[in-house]
């Protein structure tokens, strides 16, 4: 029974912490415009998300171009 003196305040602190994290996410705009983000996934992004992915996309495009030019020069 004495453990309730510890568990009840801890559960109240946990609930307040969860509410605080939820309020922080809500204030930060985490839940704004969910439909647009879903549509972006279905459409596919044309531009890279960051600089590191831009280099990877560029090198992939260059290798694809090299393959196309190699196949077109081989055909009679």
N, C-alpha and C. Protein backbone atom coordinates (compact mmCIF):
# COMPACT_ATOMS: atom_id res chain seq x y z
N UNK A 1 0.81 -1.20 0.00
CA UNK A 1 0.00 0.00 0.00
C UNK A 1 0.86 1.27 0.00
N UNK A 2 2.05 1.16 0.60
CA UNK A 2 2.92 2.32 0.66
C UNK A 2 3.48 2.68 -0.71
N UNK A 3 3.48 1.71 -1.63
CA UNK A 3 4.02 1.96 -2.96
C UNK A 3 3.13 2.94 -3.74
N UNK A 4 1.86 3.05 -3.36
CA UNK A 4 0.96 4.00 -4.02
C UNK A 4 1.41 5.44 -3.82
N UNK A 5 2.07 5.71 -2.68
CA UNK A 5 2.57 7.06 -2.43
C UNK A 5 3.66 7.43 -3.44
N UNK A 6 4.30 6.43 -4.03
CA UNK A 6 5.30 6.67 -5.05
C UNK A 6 4.70 6.61 -6.46
N UNK A 7 3.83 5.64 -6.71
CA UNK A 7 3.31 5.43 -8.05
C UNK A 7 2.34 6.52 -8.52
N UNK A 8 1.52 7.02 -7.64
CA UNK A 8 0.55 8.05 -8.03
C UNK A 8 1.25 9.35 -8.44
N UNK A 9 2.21 9.87 -7.68
CA UNK A 9 2.91 11.08 -8.16
C UNK A 9 3.73 10.82 -9.43
N UNK A 10 4.35 9.65 -9.55
CA UNK A 10 5.10 9.35 -10.75
C UNK A 10 4.19 9.27 -11.97
N UNK A 11 3.02 8.69 -11.82
CA UNK A 11 2.10 8.62 -12.95
C UNK A 11 1.58 10.01 -13.32
N UNK A 12 1.37 10.86 -12.34
CA UNK A 12 0.94 12.23 -12.63
C UNK A 12 2.04 13.00 -13.36
N UNK A 13 3.30 12.80 -12.97
CA UNK A 13 4.42 13.45 -13.66
C UNK A 13 4.53 12.92 -15.07
N UNK A 14 4.34 11.62 -15.27
CA UNK A 14 4.40 11.04 -16.60
C UNK A 14 3.30 11.58 -17.50
N UNK A 15 2.11 11.72 -16.99
CA UNK A 15 1.01 12.28 -17.77
C UNK A 15 1.31 13.73 -18.15
N UNK A 16 1.85 14.50 -17.22
CA UNK A 16 2.20 15.89 -17.51
C UNK A 16 3.33 15.96 -18.55
N UNK A 17 4.27 15.04 -18.49
CA UNK A 17 5.34 15.03 -19.48
C UNK A 17 4.81 14.69 -20.87
N UNK A 18 3.91 13.73 -20.94
CA UNK A 18 3.31 13.36 -22.23
C UNK A 18 2.50 14.52 -22.78
N UNK A 19 1.73 15.18 -21.95
CA UNK A 19 0.97 16.34 -22.40
C UNK A 19 1.90 17.47 -22.84
N UNK A 20 3.02 17.64 -22.16
CA UNK A 20 3.97 18.67 -22.55
C UNK A 20 4.60 18.39 -23.91
N UNK A 21 4.96 17.13 -24.17
CA UNK A 21 5.52 16.77 -25.47
C UNK A 21 4.48 16.94 -26.56
N UNK A 22 3.25 16.57 -26.28
CA UNK A 22 2.18 16.74 -27.27
C UNK A 22 1.94 18.22 -27.56
N UNK A 23 1.92 19.05 -26.52
CA UNK A 23 1.73 20.49 -26.72
C UNK A 23 2.90 21.10 -27.50
N UNK A 24 4.10 20.62 -27.25
CA UNK A 24 5.28 21.10 -27.97
C UNK A 24 5.19 20.74 -29.45
N UNK A 25 4.76 19.51 -29.75
CA UNK A 25 4.61 19.10 -31.15
C UNK A 25 3.48 19.86 -31.82
N UNK A 26 2.41 20.09 -31.10
CA UNK A 26 1.28 20.83 -31.66
C UNK A 26 1.66 22.28 -31.94
N UNK A 27 2.39 22.88 -31.02
CA UNK A 27 2.82 24.27 -31.20
C UNK A 27 3.88 24.38 -32.31
N UNK A 28 4.68 23.35 -32.49
CA UNK A 28 5.71 23.36 -33.52
C UNK A 28 5.20 23.08 -34.92
N UNK A 29 3.92 22.81 -35.07
CA UNK A 29 3.34 22.59 -36.39
C UNK A 29 3.48 21.17 -36.89
N UNK A 30 3.69 20.22 -36.01
CA UNK A 30 3.86 18.83 -36.42
C UNK A 30 2.61 18.27 -37.08
N UNK A 31 1.45 18.73 -36.69
CA UNK A 31 0.21 18.17 -37.18
C UNK A 31 -0.50 19.07 -38.18
N UNK A 32 0.18 20.04 -38.74
CA UNK A 32 -0.41 20.94 -39.73
C UNK A 32 -0.35 20.32 -41.11
N UNK A 33 -1.41 20.42 -41.85
CA UNK A 33 -1.48 20.05 -43.25
C UNK A 33 -0.99 18.63 -43.52
N UNK A 34 -1.65 17.67 -42.93
CA UNK A 34 -1.27 16.27 -43.12
C UNK A 34 -1.57 15.77 -44.52
N UNK A 35 -2.58 16.33 -45.18
CA UNK A 35 -2.94 15.88 -46.52
C UNK A 35 -1.85 16.20 -47.54
N UNK A 36 -1.23 17.36 -47.41
CA UNK A 36 -0.18 17.74 -48.37
C UNK A 36 1.02 16.80 -48.26
N UNK A 37 1.39 16.42 -47.06
CA UNK A 37 2.53 15.51 -46.91
C UNK A 37 2.23 14.14 -47.49
N UNK A 38 1.00 13.68 -47.35
CA UNK A 38 0.62 12.41 -47.95
C UNK A 38 0.64 12.48 -49.47
N UNK A 39 0.21 13.60 -50.02
CA UNK A 39 0.21 13.76 -51.48
C UNK A 39 1.63 13.85 -52.01
N UNK A 40 2.55 14.44 -51.26
CA UNK A 40 3.94 14.54 -51.70
C UNK A 40 4.59 13.16 -51.80
N UNK A 41 4.21 12.26 -50.92
CA UNK A 41 4.76 10.91 -50.98
C UNK A 41 4.27 10.20 -52.23
N UNK A 42 3.01 10.38 -52.57
CA UNK A 42 2.45 9.70 -53.74
C UNK A 42 2.97 10.29 -55.04
N UNK A 43 3.20 11.59 -55.09
CA UNK A 43 3.67 12.23 -56.31
C UNK A 43 5.13 11.95 -56.59
N UNK A 44 5.93 11.82 -55.58
CA UNK A 44 7.36 11.64 -55.77
C UNK A 44 8.03 12.98 -55.91
N UNK A 45 9.04 13.21 -55.15
CA UNK A 45 9.73 14.50 -55.16
C UNK A 45 10.66 14.59 -56.36
N UNK A 46 10.59 15.69 -57.07
CA UNK A 46 11.47 15.91 -58.20
C UNK A 46 12.82 16.45 -57.74
N UNK A 47 12.82 17.26 -56.70
CA UNK A 47 14.05 17.83 -56.20
C UNK A 47 14.53 17.01 -55.00
N UNK A 48 15.85 16.92 -54.79
CA UNK A 48 16.38 16.17 -53.64
C UNK A 48 16.06 16.89 -52.34
N UNK A 49 16.05 16.12 -51.26
CA UNK A 49 15.71 16.67 -49.96
C UNK A 49 16.85 17.47 -49.34
N UNK A 50 18.09 17.05 -49.57
CA UNK A 50 19.22 17.80 -49.03
C UNK A 50 20.41 17.68 -49.97
N UNK A 51 21.50 18.32 -49.61
CA UNK A 51 22.68 18.37 -50.47
C UNK A 51 23.31 17.01 -50.70
N UNK A 52 23.29 16.17 -49.66
CA UNK A 52 23.89 14.84 -49.79
C UNK A 52 23.11 14.01 -50.81
N UNK A 53 21.81 14.10 -50.79
CA UNK A 53 21.00 13.36 -51.75
C UNK A 53 21.11 13.97 -53.13
N UNK A 54 21.40 15.26 -53.20
CA UNK A 54 21.55 15.89 -54.51
C UNK A 54 22.75 15.32 -55.24
N UNK A 55 23.84 15.08 -54.52
CA UNK A 55 25.02 14.48 -55.14
C UNK A 55 24.75 13.07 -55.60
N UNK A 56 23.99 12.32 -54.81
CA UNK A 56 23.68 10.94 -55.18
C UNK A 56 22.77 10.91 -56.40
N UNK A 57 21.81 11.82 -56.44
CA UNK A 57 20.90 11.85 -57.58
C UNK A 57 21.65 12.28 -58.84
N UNK A 58 22.57 13.21 -58.69
CA UNK A 58 23.32 13.67 -59.84
C UNK A 58 24.21 12.57 -60.38
N UNK A 59 24.88 11.83 -59.52
CA UNK A 59 25.76 10.76 -59.99
C UNK A 59 24.94 9.63 -60.59
N UNK A 60 23.76 9.36 -60.04
CA UNK A 60 22.91 8.32 -60.61
C UNK A 60 22.41 8.74 -61.99
N UNK A 61 22.06 10.02 -62.13
CA UNK A 61 21.62 10.50 -63.44
C UNK A 61 22.76 10.45 -64.44
N UNK A 62 23.98 10.76 -64.00
CA UNK A 62 25.12 10.73 -64.91
C UNK A 62 25.42 9.31 -65.36
N UNK A 63 25.33 8.34 -64.46
CA UNK A 63 25.60 6.96 -64.85
C UNK A 63 24.51 6.46 -65.80
N UNK A 64 23.28 6.89 -65.57
CA UNK A 64 22.19 6.51 -66.47
C UNK A 64 22.42 7.11 -67.85
N UNK A 65 22.88 8.36 -67.91
CA UNK A 65 23.17 9.00 -69.19
C UNK A 65 24.32 8.29 -69.91
N UNK A 66 25.35 7.88 -69.15
CA UNK A 66 26.47 7.17 -69.75
C UNK A 66 26.00 5.84 -70.34
N UNK A 67 25.11 5.15 -69.62
CA UNK A 67 24.59 3.87 -70.13
C UNK A 67 23.79 4.09 -71.41
N UNK A 68 22.99 5.15 -71.45
CA UNK A 68 22.20 5.42 -72.65
C UNK A 68 23.08 5.77 -73.83
N UNK A 69 24.11 6.56 -73.61
CA UNK A 69 24.99 6.92 -74.72
C UNK A 69 25.80 5.72 -75.18
N UNK A 70 26.16 4.82 -74.25
CA UNK A 70 26.91 3.63 -74.62
C UNK A 70 26.04 2.69 -75.47
N UNK A 71 24.76 2.57 -75.13
CA UNK A 71 23.90 1.68 -75.90
C UNK A 71 23.54 2.28 -77.26
N UNK A 72 23.45 3.60 -77.34
CA UNK A 72 23.12 4.21 -78.63
C UNK A 72 24.31 4.17 -79.58
N UNK A 73 25.54 4.21 -79.08
CA UNK A 73 26.71 4.15 -79.95
C UNK A 73 26.98 2.72 -80.41
N UNK A 74 26.51 1.71 -79.65
CA UNK A 74 26.71 0.33 -80.02
C UNK A 74 25.74 -0.12 -81.10
N UNK A 75 24.57 0.47 -81.15
CA UNK A 75 23.57 0.06 -82.15
C UNK A 75 23.99 0.52 -83.53
N UNK A 76 23.89 -0.39 -84.58
CA UNK A 76 24.28 0.03 -85.94
C UNK A 76 23.25 0.90 -86.61
